[in-house]
Amino acid sequence: MRFNQSLSPVAALFVSLGLSVSISAFAEDHFRQHDAHLHGVVEVNIAQDGQDLLMEIHAPGADIVGFEHAPQTDEQKAAINDAIKQLKAPESLWVLTANAKCQLVESVATETLTSQEAENHKGHDDHDDHSHDHDDHDDHDDHGAHGEFSAQYTYKCSDINQLTEVKTQWFTHYPSTERITVSTITEKGQKGGTLTSSTVIFRF
């Protein structure tokens, strides 16, 4: 799996808000977490910038649709499309403190499973003039496939000082997830924690 080596908006904000690490060190750690790619583990980063709240989610494809390889059937393609629609609707997955009056202003969801399909086709095309066993190609297509889903949300909160917690309904929709690791940086400071199906509230 390949990653965009530029920092995501949330990662960049973590750095710009004064964390005591260099950009390169943060980037290295950020991508090392993704490289680990543990099934059942979802990563959530939350950062405050004035009245803006940025939220970023990274989840293994297996947690979301039950597979991480390129879609091979119409049903798998439909499952990916449905998952993207679900992730673009954070109100069904995350509930912020009502008194903070946070309004969603932007929602983006992406996945890397279908890009593997394009790469696999390209790999076949590149090797058309070479003699390889067909089974070897199939093994190569599945080897190292670790597709994931990502989502980024931007909220505008008119009373962000009232933001005290975020409650998740993630486990209801994606029961394959065992835990969610949460990292935050707000005006209250840095904080981390873990959510599970029995602990669904993170307090800032």
N, C-alpha and C. Protein backbone atom coordinates (compact mmCIF):
# COMPACT_ATOMS: atom_id res chain seq x y z
N MET A 1 0.84 -1.19 0.00
CA MET A 1 0.00 0.00 0.00
C MET A 1 0.88 1.24 0.00
N ARG A 2 0.47 2.25 -0.77
CA ARG A 2 1.24 3.48 -0.84
C ARG A 2 0.49 4.59 -0.12
N PHE A 3 1.23 5.50 0.50
CA PHE A 3 0.63 6.62 1.21
C PHE A 3 1.10 7.92 0.62
N ASN A 4 0.20 8.91 0.66
CA ASN A 4 0.58 10.27 0.29
C ASN A 4 1.53 10.78 1.37
N GLN A 5 2.72 11.16 0.98
CA GLN A 5 3.72 11.52 1.97
C GLN A 5 3.53 12.93 2.55
N SER A 6 2.54 13.69 2.06
CA SER A 6 2.25 14.99 2.66
C SER A 6 1.36 14.77 3.86
N LEU A 7 1.47 15.64 4.84
CA LEU A 7 0.65 15.52 6.03
C LEU A 7 -0.80 15.82 5.72
N SER A 8 -1.70 15.11 6.38
CA SER A 8 -3.11 15.41 6.25
C SER A 8 -3.40 16.74 6.94
N PRO A 9 -4.57 17.35 6.67
CA PRO A 9 -4.90 18.62 7.33
C PRO A 9 -4.85 18.54 8.85
N VAL A 10 -5.36 17.44 9.41
CA VAL A 10 -5.35 17.31 10.86
C VAL A 10 -3.92 17.13 11.37
N ALA A 11 -3.13 16.32 10.68
CA ALA A 11 -1.74 16.12 11.10
C ALA A 11 -0.97 17.42 11.02
N ALA A 12 -1.19 18.19 9.96
CA ALA A 12 -0.51 19.47 9.81
C ALA A 12 -0.91 20.43 10.92
N LEU A 13 -2.19 20.38 11.30
CA LEU A 13 -2.67 21.26 12.37
C LEU A 13 -2.05 20.85 13.70
N PHE A 14 -1.91 19.56 13.94
CA PHE A 14 -1.25 19.09 15.16
C PHE A 14 0.12 19.74 15.28
N VAL A 15 0.83 19.80 14.17
CA VAL A 15 2.18 20.37 14.18
C VAL A 15 2.13 21.88 14.36
N SER A 16 1.25 22.55 13.61
CA SER A 16 1.21 24.01 13.62
C SER A 16 0.77 24.56 14.97
N LEU A 17 0.04 23.77 15.75
CA LEU A 17 -0.44 24.25 17.04
C LEU A 17 0.61 24.09 18.15
N GLY A 18 1.81 23.68 17.76
CA GLY A 18 2.91 23.77 18.72
C GLY A 18 3.27 22.51 19.45
N LEU A 19 3.01 21.35 18.88
CA LEU A 19 3.48 20.13 19.52
C LEU A 19 5.00 20.14 19.56
N SER A 20 5.57 19.58 20.59
CA SER A 20 7.03 19.60 20.76
C SER A 20 7.69 18.47 19.99
N VAL A 21 7.34 18.36 18.71
CA VAL A 21 8.00 17.41 17.82
C VAL A 21 8.19 18.10 16.49
N SER A 22 9.17 17.66 15.73
CA SER A 22 9.39 18.24 14.42
C SER A 22 8.37 17.69 13.44
N ILE A 23 8.17 18.41 12.34
CA ILE A 23 7.24 17.94 11.32
C ILE A 23 7.68 16.57 10.81
N SER A 24 8.95 16.40 10.58
CA SER A 24 9.43 15.12 10.05
C SER A 24 9.19 13.99 11.04
N ALA A 25 9.40 14.27 12.32
CA ALA A 25 9.19 13.24 13.34
C ALA A 25 7.72 12.89 13.43
N PHE A 26 6.86 13.91 13.36
CA PHE A 26 5.43 13.65 13.43
C PHE A 26 5.00 12.82 12.23
N ALA A 27 5.49 13.20 11.05
CA ALA A 27 5.13 12.49 9.82
C ALA A 27 5.57 11.03 9.91
N GLU A 28 6.77 10.81 10.42
CA GLU A 28 7.28 9.45 10.54
C GLU A 28 6.39 8.63 11.44
N ASP A 29 6.01 9.20 12.58
CA ASP A 29 5.16 8.49 13.52
C ASP A 29 3.78 8.29 12.94
N HIS A 30 3.26 9.32 12.24
CA HIS A 30 1.93 9.26 11.65
C HIS A 30 1.83 8.10 10.67
N PHE A 31 2.83 7.97 9.80
CA PHE A 31 2.77 6.92 8.80
C PHE A 31 3.14 5.56 9.39
N ARG A 32 3.96 5.55 10.46
CA ARG A 32 4.28 4.28 11.08
C ARG A 32 3.03 3.66 11.68
N GLN A 33 2.14 4.50 12.23
CA GLN A 33 0.90 3.99 12.77
C GLN A 33 0.08 3.34 11.68
N HIS A 34 0.04 3.97 10.50
CA HIS A 34 -0.72 3.38 9.40
C HIS A 34 -0.08 2.09 8.93
N ASP A 35 1.26 2.06 8.89
CA ASP A 35 1.95 0.88 8.40
C ASP A 35 1.62 -0.34 9.27
N ALA A 36 1.40 -0.09 10.57
CA ALA A 36 1.07 -1.19 11.45
C ALA A 36 -0.24 -1.83 11.02
N HIS A 37 -1.19 -1.04 10.66
CA HIS A 37 -2.45 -1.47 10.06
C HIS A 37 -3.03 -2.68 10.77
N LEU A 38 -3.42 -2.51 11.99
CA LEU A 38 -3.98 -3.60 12.77
C LEU A 38 -5.46 -3.75 12.49
N HIS A 39 -5.88 -4.94 12.11
CA HIS A 39 -7.30 -5.19 11.92
C HIS A 39 -8.01 -5.02 13.26
N GLY A 40 -9.16 -4.40 13.24
CA GLY A 40 -9.91 -4.19 14.46
C GLY A 40 -9.55 -2.92 15.19
N VAL A 41 -8.58 -2.17 14.66
CA VAL A 41 -8.13 -0.94 15.32
C VAL A 41 -8.34 0.25 14.38
N VAL A 42 -9.10 1.22 14.83
CA VAL A 42 -9.38 2.45 14.07
C VAL A 42 -8.67 3.61 14.75
N GLU A 43 -8.11 4.50 13.95
CA GLU A 43 -7.39 5.66 14.48
C GLU A 43 -8.20 6.93 14.26
N VAL A 44 -8.35 7.72 15.30
CA VAL A 44 -9.08 8.99 15.22
C VAL A 44 -8.19 10.10 15.76
N ASN A 45 -8.02 11.16 14.98
CA ASN A 45 -7.29 12.35 15.41
C ASN A 45 -8.24 13.54 15.40
N ILE A 46 -8.22 14.33 16.46
CA ILE A 46 -9.09 15.50 16.58
C ILE A 46 -8.23 16.70 16.96
N ALA A 47 -8.43 17.80 16.25
CA ALA A 47 -7.65 19.01 16.54
C ALA A 47 -8.56 20.23 16.51
N GLN A 48 -8.34 21.15 17.45
CA GLN A 48 -9.08 22.40 17.51
C GLN A 48 -8.22 23.53 16.98
N ASP A 49 -8.82 24.39 16.17
CA ASP A 49 -8.15 25.59 15.68
C ASP A 49 -9.14 26.74 15.80
N GLY A 50 -9.10 27.43 16.94
CA GLY A 50 -10.08 28.48 17.20
C GLY A 50 -11.46 27.88 17.34
N GLN A 51 -12.40 28.33 16.50
CA GLN A 51 -13.76 27.80 16.53
C GLN A 51 -13.92 26.58 15.63
N ASP A 52 -12.85 26.23 14.93
CA ASP A 52 -12.91 25.07 14.03
C ASP A 52 -12.47 23.80 14.75
N LEU A 53 -13.14 22.72 14.43
CA LEU A 53 -12.78 21.41 14.95
C LEU A 53 -12.58 20.48 13.77
N LEU A 54 -11.39 19.89 13.69
CA LEU A 54 -11.07 18.97 12.61
C LEU A 54 -10.98 17.55 13.17
N MET A 55 -11.57 16.62 12.43
CA MET A 55 -11.60 15.23 12.86
C MET A 55 -11.17 14.35 11.69
N GLU A 56 -10.31 13.40 11.98
CA GLU A 56 -9.76 12.53 10.94
C GLU A 56 -9.84 11.08 11.41
N ILE A 57 -10.35 10.20 10.53
CA ILE A 57 -10.51 8.79 10.87
C ILE A 57 -9.79 7.93 9.85
N HIS A 58 -9.09 6.91 10.32
CA HIS A 58 -8.46 5.92 9.46
C HIS A 58 -8.89 4.53 9.94
N ALA A 59 -9.45 3.73 9.03
CA ALA A 59 -9.95 2.42 9.41
C ALA A 59 -9.55 1.36 8.38
N PRO A 60 -9.16 0.18 8.84
CA PRO A 60 -8.84 -0.90 7.90
C PRO A 60 -10.07 -1.28 7.08
N GLY A 61 -9.84 -1.63 5.83
CA GLY A 61 -10.96 -2.02 4.98
C GLY A 61 -11.73 -3.19 5.56
N ALA A 62 -11.03 -4.12 6.22
CA ALA A 62 -11.68 -5.28 6.79
C ALA A 62 -12.72 -4.89 7.83
N ASP A 63 -12.46 -3.82 8.57
CA ASP A 63 -13.42 -3.36 9.58
C ASP A 63 -14.68 -2.80 8.95
N ILE A 64 -14.53 -2.19 7.78
CA ILE A 64 -15.64 -1.46 7.16
C ILE A 64 -16.46 -2.35 6.23
N VAL A 65 -15.78 -3.07 5.35
CA VAL A 65 -16.50 -3.86 4.33
C VAL A 65 -16.17 -5.35 4.39
N GLY A 66 -15.26 -5.74 5.27
CA GLY A 66 -14.95 -7.16 5.41
C GLY A 66 -13.84 -7.67 4.52
N PHE A 67 -13.23 -6.78 3.74
CA PHE A 67 -12.10 -7.18 2.89
C PHE A 67 -11.21 -5.96 2.65
N GLU A 68 -9.99 -6.21 2.20
CA GLU A 68 -9.04 -5.12 1.98
C GLU A 68 -8.40 -5.15 0.59
N HIS A 69 -8.78 -6.15 -0.20
CA HIS A 69 -8.25 -6.25 -1.56
C HIS A 69 -9.11 -5.43 -2.51
N ALA A 70 -8.68 -5.32 -3.74
CA ALA A 70 -9.47 -4.62 -4.75
C ALA A 70 -10.80 -5.34 -4.94
N PRO A 71 -11.90 -4.59 -5.14
CA PRO A 71 -13.21 -5.23 -5.31
C PRO A 71 -13.22 -6.15 -6.52
N GLN A 72 -13.77 -7.34 -6.34
CA GLN A 72 -13.77 -8.35 -7.39
C GLN A 72 -15.16 -8.66 -7.92
N THR A 73 -16.19 -8.19 -7.23
CA THR A 73 -17.56 -8.44 -7.65
C THR A 73 -18.36 -7.15 -7.57
N ASP A 74 -19.53 -7.15 -8.20
CA ASP A 74 -20.41 -5.98 -8.12
C ASP A 74 -20.85 -5.74 -6.68
N GLU A 75 -21.03 -6.83 -5.93
CA GLU A 75 -21.45 -6.69 -4.54
C GLU A 75 -20.37 -5.99 -3.72
N GLN A 76 -19.11 -6.32 -3.96
CA GLN A 76 -18.02 -5.67 -3.23
C GLN A 76 -17.88 -4.21 -3.62
N LYS A 77 -18.09 -3.91 -4.90
CA LYS A 77 -18.04 -2.51 -5.33
C LYS A 77 -19.17 -1.72 -4.68
N ALA A 78 -20.35 -2.33 -4.59
CA ALA A 78 -21.49 -1.67 -3.95
C ALA A 78 -21.22 -1.45 -2.47
N ALA A 79 -20.58 -2.42 -1.82
CA ALA A 79 -20.27 -2.30 -0.40
C ALA A 79 -19.33 -1.13 -0.15
N ILE A 80 -18.36 -0.94 -1.03
CA ILE A 80 -17.44 0.19 -0.90
C ILE A 80 -18.17 1.51 -1.08
N ASN A 81 -19.04 1.58 -2.09
CA ASN A 81 -19.80 2.82 -2.32
C ASN A 81 -20.70 3.14 -1.13
N ASP A 82 -21.34 2.12 -0.58
CA ASP A 82 -22.22 2.33 0.58
C ASP A 82 -21.40 2.81 1.78
N ALA A 83 -20.21 2.26 1.95
CA ALA A 83 -19.36 2.65 3.07
C ALA A 83 -18.93 4.10 2.96
N ILE A 84 -18.60 4.53 1.75
CA ILE A 84 -18.21 5.93 1.54
C ILE A 84 -19.37 6.86 1.90
N LYS A 85 -20.58 6.49 1.48
CA LYS A 85 -21.75 7.30 1.82
C LYS A 85 -21.94 7.38 3.33
N GLN A 86 -21.76 6.25 4.00
CA GLN A 86 -21.91 6.21 5.45
C GLN A 86 -20.87 7.10 6.14
N LEU A 87 -19.63 7.01 5.69
CA LEU A 87 -18.55 7.78 6.31
C LEU A 87 -18.70 9.28 6.05
N LYS A 88 -19.38 9.64 4.97
CA LYS A 88 -19.61 11.05 4.68
C LYS A 88 -20.72 11.64 5.55
N ALA A 89 -21.38 10.80 6.32
CA ALA A 89 -22.47 11.25 7.20
C ALA A 89 -22.06 11.04 8.65
N PRO A 90 -21.17 11.87 9.19
CA PRO A 90 -20.64 11.64 10.53
C PRO A 90 -21.68 11.71 11.64
N GLU A 91 -22.82 12.35 11.36
CA GLU A 91 -23.84 12.46 12.40
C GLU A 91 -24.36 11.09 12.84
N SER A 92 -24.20 10.07 11.98
CA SER A 92 -24.64 8.73 12.35
C SER A 92 -23.55 7.96 13.10
N LEU A 93 -22.36 8.53 13.16
CA LEU A 93 -21.22 7.85 13.77
C LEU A 93 -20.67 8.56 14.99
N TRP A 94 -20.78 9.90 15.02
CA TRP A 94 -20.17 10.69 16.09
C TRP A 94 -21.14 11.75 16.58
N VAL A 95 -21.20 11.93 17.89
CA VAL A 95 -22.07 12.94 18.48
C VAL A 95 -21.22 13.85 19.37
N LEU A 96 -21.17 15.12 19.02
CA LEU A 96 -20.41 16.10 19.80
C LEU A 96 -21.31 16.75 20.84
N THR A 97 -20.71 17.31 21.87
CA THR A 97 -21.47 18.00 22.91
C THR A 97 -22.42 19.01 22.29
N ALA A 98 -23.71 18.87 22.57
CA ALA A 98 -24.72 19.72 21.95
C ALA A 98 -24.50 21.20 22.25
N ASN A 99 -24.10 21.51 23.48
CA ASN A 99 -23.92 22.91 23.88
C ASN A 99 -22.81 23.63 23.13
N ALA A 100 -21.91 22.86 22.50
CA ALA A 100 -20.82 23.47 21.73
C ALA A 100 -21.33 24.03 20.40
N LYS A 101 -22.52 23.60 19.99
CA LYS A 101 -23.17 24.09 18.77
C LYS A 101 -22.25 23.98 17.56
N CYS A 102 -21.79 22.76 17.33
CA CYS A 102 -20.89 22.49 16.20
C CYS A 102 -21.68 22.11 14.96
N GLN A 103 -21.40 22.80 13.87
CA GLN A 103 -22.05 22.52 12.60
C GLN A 103 -21.03 21.95 11.62
N LEU A 104 -21.40 20.88 10.95
CA LEU A 104 -20.52 20.28 9.95
C LEU A 104 -20.45 21.18 8.72
N VAL A 105 -19.24 21.55 8.32
CA VAL A 105 -19.08 22.41 7.14
C VAL A 105 -18.40 21.67 6.00
N GLU A 106 -17.71 20.58 6.29
CA GLU A 106 -17.09 19.81 5.21
C GLU A 106 -16.92 18.36 5.64
N SER A 107 -17.17 17.45 4.71
CA SER A 107 -17.04 16.03 4.98
C SER A 107 -16.44 15.35 3.76
N VAL A 108 -15.34 14.65 3.97
CA VAL A 108 -14.65 13.97 2.87
C VAL A 108 -14.35 12.53 3.29
N ALA A 109 -14.66 11.58 2.43
CA ALA A 109 -14.35 10.18 2.70
C ALA A 109 -13.67 9.57 1.48
N THR A 110 -12.63 8.80 1.73
CA THR A 110 -11.88 8.17 0.64
C THR A 110 -11.53 6.73 1.01
N GLU A 111 -11.10 5.98 0.01
CA GLU A 111 -10.65 4.61 0.25
C GLU A 111 -9.55 4.25 -0.74
N THR A 112 -8.77 3.24 -0.41
CA THR A 112 -7.64 2.85 -1.26
C THR A 112 -7.82 1.47 -1.87
N LEU A 113 -8.97 0.86 -1.70
CA LEU A 113 -9.18 -0.48 -2.24
C LEU A 113 -9.30 -0.46 -3.76
N THR A 114 -10.07 0.50 -4.29
CA THR A 114 -10.27 0.55 -5.74
C THR A 114 -9.00 0.96 -6.46
N SER A 115 -8.13 1.74 -5.79
CA SER A 115 -6.88 2.11 -6.43
C SER A 115 -5.98 0.89 -6.61
N GLN A 116 -6.13 -0.10 -5.73
CA GLN A 116 -5.39 -1.35 -5.89
C GLN A 116 -5.83 -2.07 -7.15
N GLU A 117 -7.13 -1.96 -7.47
CA GLU A 117 -7.64 -2.60 -8.68
C GLU A 117 -6.96 -2.03 -9.91
N ALA A 118 -6.82 -0.70 -9.96
CA ALA A 118 -6.17 -0.05 -11.10
C ALA A 118 -4.70 -0.45 -11.17
N GLU A 119 -4.04 -0.54 -10.01
CA GLU A 119 -2.63 -0.92 -9.99
C GLU A 119 -2.45 -2.36 -10.44
N ASN A 120 -3.40 -3.24 -10.03
CA ASN A 120 -3.30 -4.63 -10.43
C ASN A 120 -3.43 -4.78 -11.94
N HIS A 121 -4.38 -4.03 -12.52
CA HIS A 121 -4.55 -4.08 -13.97
C HIS A 121 -3.30 -3.57 -14.67
N LYS A 122 -2.72 -2.51 -14.13
CA LYS A 122 -1.50 -1.97 -14.73
C LYS A 122 -0.38 -2.99 -14.64
N GLY A 123 -0.31 -3.69 -13.51
CA GLY A 123 0.72 -4.70 -13.35
C GLY A 123 0.60 -5.81 -14.37
N HIS A 124 -0.65 -6.21 -14.65
CA HIS A 124 -0.87 -7.23 -15.66
C HIS A 124 -0.45 -6.73 -17.04
N ASP A 125 -0.83 -5.49 -17.35
CA ASP A 125 -0.49 -4.92 -18.65
C ASP A 125 1.01 -4.83 -18.83
N ASP A 126 1.71 -4.44 -17.77
CA ASP A 126 3.16 -4.28 -17.86
C ASP A 126 3.87 -5.60 -18.10
N HIS A 127 3.19 -6.72 -17.74
CA HIS A 127 3.85 -8.02 -17.85
C HIS A 127 3.27 -8.87 -18.98
N ASP A 128 2.51 -8.27 -19.88
CA ASP A 128 1.91 -9.02 -20.97
C ASP A 128 2.95 -9.69 -21.86
N ASP A 129 4.11 -9.07 -22.00
CA ASP A 129 5.14 -9.59 -22.90
C ASP A 129 6.08 -10.57 -22.21
N HIS A 130 5.79 -10.88 -20.94
CA HIS A 130 6.64 -11.80 -20.20
C HIS A 130 5.85 -13.05 -19.86
N SER A 131 6.51 -14.16 -19.77
CA SER A 131 5.82 -15.41 -19.43
C SER A 131 5.90 -15.62 -17.93
N HIS A 132 4.73 -15.57 -17.29
CA HIS A 132 4.64 -15.84 -15.85
C HIS A 132 3.49 -16.79 -15.64
N ASP A 133 3.61 -17.59 -14.64
CA ASP A 133 2.51 -18.47 -14.29
C ASP A 133 1.33 -17.64 -13.82
N HIS A 134 0.12 -17.95 -14.29
CA HIS A 134 -1.06 -17.16 -13.96
C HIS A 134 -1.32 -17.15 -12.46
N ASP A 135 -1.08 -18.29 -11.81
CA ASP A 135 -1.32 -18.35 -10.37
C ASP A 135 -0.41 -17.41 -9.62
N ASP A 136 0.81 -17.22 -10.15
CA ASP A 136 1.73 -16.29 -9.50
C ASP A 136 1.18 -14.89 -9.53
N HIS A 137 0.51 -14.52 -10.65
CA HIS A 137 -0.11 -13.20 -10.73
C HIS A 137 -1.19 -13.05 -9.68
N ASP A 138 -2.02 -14.08 -9.52
CA ASP A 138 -3.10 -14.01 -8.55
C ASP A 138 -2.54 -13.84 -7.15
N ASP A 139 -1.46 -14.60 -6.85
CA ASP A 139 -0.86 -14.47 -5.53
C ASP A 139 -0.30 -13.08 -5.33
N HIS A 140 0.27 -12.51 -6.39
CA HIS A 140 0.86 -11.17 -6.29
C HIS A 140 -0.21 -10.12 -6.06
N ASP A 141 -1.38 -10.31 -6.68
CA ASP A 141 -2.45 -9.33 -6.54
C ASP A 141 -2.93 -9.23 -5.10
N ASP A 142 -2.96 -10.38 -4.40
CA ASP A 142 -3.49 -10.38 -3.05
C ASP A 142 -2.41 -10.08 -2.01
N HIS A 143 -1.15 -10.25 -2.39
CA HIS A 143 -0.06 -10.08 -1.43
C HIS A 143 0.06 -8.63 -0.98
N GLY A 144 0.04 -8.45 0.34
CA GLY A 144 0.26 -7.12 0.88
C GLY A 144 -0.89 -6.16 0.68
N ALA A 145 -2.08 -6.68 0.33
CA ALA A 145 -3.23 -5.81 0.12
C ALA A 145 -3.75 -5.35 1.48
N HIS A 146 -3.68 -4.06 1.74
CA HIS A 146 -4.14 -3.52 3.01
C HIS A 146 -4.92 -2.24 2.75
N GLY A 147 -5.99 -2.35 2.00
CA GLY A 147 -6.81 -1.19 1.69
C GLY A 147 -7.46 -0.64 2.95
N GLU A 148 -7.63 0.67 2.99
CA GLU A 148 -8.25 1.30 4.15
C GLU A 148 -9.20 2.41 3.72
N PHE A 149 -10.01 2.82 4.67
CA PHE A 149 -10.93 3.95 4.49
C PHE A 149 -10.46 5.10 5.36
N SER A 150 -10.63 6.31 4.86
CA SER A 150 -10.29 7.51 5.63
C SER A 150 -11.43 8.51 5.51
N ALA A 151 -11.60 9.30 6.54
CA ALA A 151 -12.62 10.36 6.51
C ALA A 151 -12.08 11.57 7.24
N GLN A 152 -12.45 12.74 6.75
CA GLN A 152 -12.06 14.00 7.38
C GLN A 152 -13.29 14.89 7.50
N TYR A 153 -13.51 15.41 8.70
CA TYR A 153 -14.65 16.28 8.96
C TYR A 153 -14.17 17.62 9.52
N THR A 154 -14.80 18.68 9.07
CA THR A 154 -14.52 20.01 9.60
C THR A 154 -15.81 20.58 10.18
N TYR A 155 -15.75 20.98 11.43
CA TYR A 155 -16.90 21.58 12.11
C TYR A 155 -16.59 23.03 12.47
N LYS A 156 -17.62 23.84 12.47
CA LYS A 156 -17.54 25.21 13.00
C LYS A 156 -18.40 25.24 14.27
N CYS A 157 -17.76 25.51 15.39
CA CYS A 157 -18.45 25.47 16.67
C CYS A 157 -18.59 26.89 17.23
N SER A 158 -19.81 27.34 17.41
CA SER A 158 -20.03 28.72 17.87
C SER A 158 -19.72 28.88 19.36
N ASP A 159 -19.72 27.78 20.11
CA ASP A 159 -19.37 27.85 21.54
C ASP A 159 -18.46 26.67 21.87
N ILE A 160 -17.29 26.66 21.24
CA ILE A 160 -16.42 25.48 21.34
C ILE A 160 -15.90 25.24 22.75
N ASN A 161 -15.94 26.26 23.60
CA ASN A 161 -15.51 26.06 24.99
C ASN A 161 -16.41 25.08 25.73
N GLN A 162 -17.61 24.87 25.19
CA GLN A 162 -18.55 23.94 25.81
C GLN A 162 -18.34 22.50 25.33
N LEU A 163 -17.38 22.32 24.43
CA LEU A 163 -17.11 20.97 23.92
C LEU A 163 -16.39 20.15 24.99
N THR A 164 -17.07 19.18 25.53
CA THR A 164 -16.49 18.39 26.61
C THR A 164 -16.31 16.92 26.25
N GLU A 165 -17.05 16.45 25.24
CA GLU A 165 -16.95 15.03 24.91
C GLU A 165 -17.42 14.74 23.49
N VAL A 166 -17.04 13.58 23.02
CA VAL A 166 -17.56 13.06 21.75
C VAL A 166 -17.99 11.62 22.01
N LYS A 167 -19.18 11.31 21.56
CA LYS A 167 -19.73 9.96 21.74
C LYS A 167 -19.79 9.28 20.38
N THR A 168 -19.40 8.02 20.35
CA THR A 168 -19.39 7.32 19.07
C THR A 168 -20.45 6.22 18.99
N GLN A 169 -20.98 6.05 17.80
CA GLN A 169 -21.88 4.94 17.49
C GLN A 169 -21.21 4.03 16.45
N TRP A 170 -19.89 4.18 16.35
CA TRP A 170 -19.11 3.43 15.36
C TRP A 170 -19.30 1.92 15.50
N PHE A 171 -19.26 1.44 16.73
CA PHE A 171 -19.30 -0.01 16.96
C PHE A 171 -20.64 -0.62 16.57
N THR A 172 -21.69 0.19 16.55
CA THR A 172 -22.99 -0.30 16.11
C THR A 172 -22.97 -0.58 14.62
N HIS A 173 -22.32 0.30 13.87
CA HIS A 173 -22.26 0.16 12.42
C HIS A 173 -21.15 -0.77 11.96
N TYR A 174 -20.04 -0.79 12.72
CA TYR A 174 -18.88 -1.58 12.32
C TYR A 174 -18.42 -2.47 13.48
N PRO A 175 -19.15 -3.55 13.75
CA PRO A 175 -18.85 -4.40 14.92
C PRO A 175 -17.52 -5.13 14.83
N SER A 176 -16.89 -5.16 13.66
CA SER A 176 -15.58 -5.81 13.54
C SER A 176 -14.48 -5.00 14.23
N THR A 177 -14.73 -3.72 14.45
CA THR A 177 -13.76 -2.88 15.15
C THR A 177 -13.73 -3.24 16.62
N GLU A 178 -12.53 -3.50 17.12
CA GLU A 178 -12.37 -3.85 18.53
C GLU A 178 -12.10 -2.63 19.40
N ARG A 179 -11.36 -1.68 18.85
CA ARG A 179 -11.07 -0.47 19.63
C ARG A 179 -10.75 0.70 18.70
N ILE A 180 -10.95 1.89 19.22
CA ILE A 180 -10.64 3.13 18.52
C ILE A 180 -9.63 3.89 19.36
N THR A 181 -8.48 4.19 18.78
CA THR A 181 -7.49 5.00 19.49
C THR A 181 -7.72 6.46 19.13
N VAL A 182 -7.83 7.31 20.13
CA VAL A 182 -8.14 8.72 19.94
C VAL A 182 -6.97 9.58 20.40
N SER A 183 -6.57 10.52 19.55
CA SER A 183 -5.55 11.51 19.90
C SER A 183 -6.13 12.89 19.65
N THR A 184 -6.02 13.79 20.62
CA THR A 184 -6.60 15.12 20.46
C THR A 184 -5.60 16.20 20.87
N ILE A 185 -5.77 17.36 20.28
CA ILE A 185 -5.08 18.56 20.73
C ILE A 185 -6.07 19.71 20.64
N THR A 186 -6.37 20.30 21.78
CA THR A 186 -7.31 21.42 21.86
C THR A 186 -6.69 22.49 22.75
N GLU A 187 -7.44 23.54 23.00
CA GLU A 187 -6.94 24.58 23.90
C GLU A 187 -6.75 24.05 25.32
N LYS A 188 -7.37 22.92 25.61
CA LYS A 188 -7.22 22.30 26.92
C LYS A 188 -5.94 21.48 27.01
N GLY A 189 -5.30 21.24 25.86
CA GLY A 189 -4.06 20.47 25.84
C GLY A 189 -4.18 19.22 24.99
N GLN A 190 -3.16 18.36 25.13
CA GLN A 190 -3.12 17.11 24.38
C GLN A 190 -3.70 15.99 25.23
N LYS A 191 -4.37 15.05 24.56
CA LYS A 191 -4.94 13.94 25.30
C LYS A 191 -5.13 12.76 24.36
N GLY A 192 -5.03 11.58 24.91
CA GLY A 192 -5.27 10.36 24.14
C GLY A 192 -6.16 9.43 24.92
N GLY A 193 -6.74 8.48 24.23
CA GLY A 193 -7.60 7.52 24.91
C GLY A 193 -8.02 6.41 23.97
N THR A 194 -8.78 5.48 24.51
CA THR A 194 -9.25 4.34 23.74
C THR A 194 -10.74 4.14 23.95
N LEU A 195 -11.44 3.92 22.86
CA LEU A 195 -12.87 3.63 22.90
C LEU A 195 -13.10 2.18 22.51
N THR A 196 -14.10 1.56 23.15
CA THR A 196 -14.49 0.20 22.82
C THR A 196 -16.01 0.15 22.77
N SER A 197 -16.55 -1.01 22.47
CA SER A 197 -18.01 -1.13 22.40
C SER A 197 -18.66 -0.88 23.75
N SER A 198 -17.90 -1.00 24.83
CA SER A 198 -18.45 -0.74 26.17
C SER A 198 -18.04 0.62 26.72
N THR A 199 -17.14 1.31 26.03
CA THR A 199 -16.70 2.66 26.42
C THR A 199 -16.77 3.53 25.18
N VAL A 200 -17.89 4.21 24.99
CA VAL A 200 -18.15 4.90 23.72
C VAL A 200 -18.04 6.42 23.84
N ILE A 201 -17.63 6.93 24.99
CA ILE A 201 -17.53 8.38 25.18
C ILE A 201 -16.08 8.76 25.47
N PHE A 202 -15.57 9.71 24.69
CA PHE A 202 -14.25 10.27 24.93
C PHE A 202 -14.43 11.68 25.48
N ARG A 203 -13.79 11.96 26.61
CA ARG A 203 -13.91 13.28 27.24
C ARG A 203 -12.62 14.06 27.05
N PHE A 204 -12.77 15.31 26.60
CA PHE A 204 -11.60 16.16 26.35
C PHE A 204 -11.01 16.65 27.67
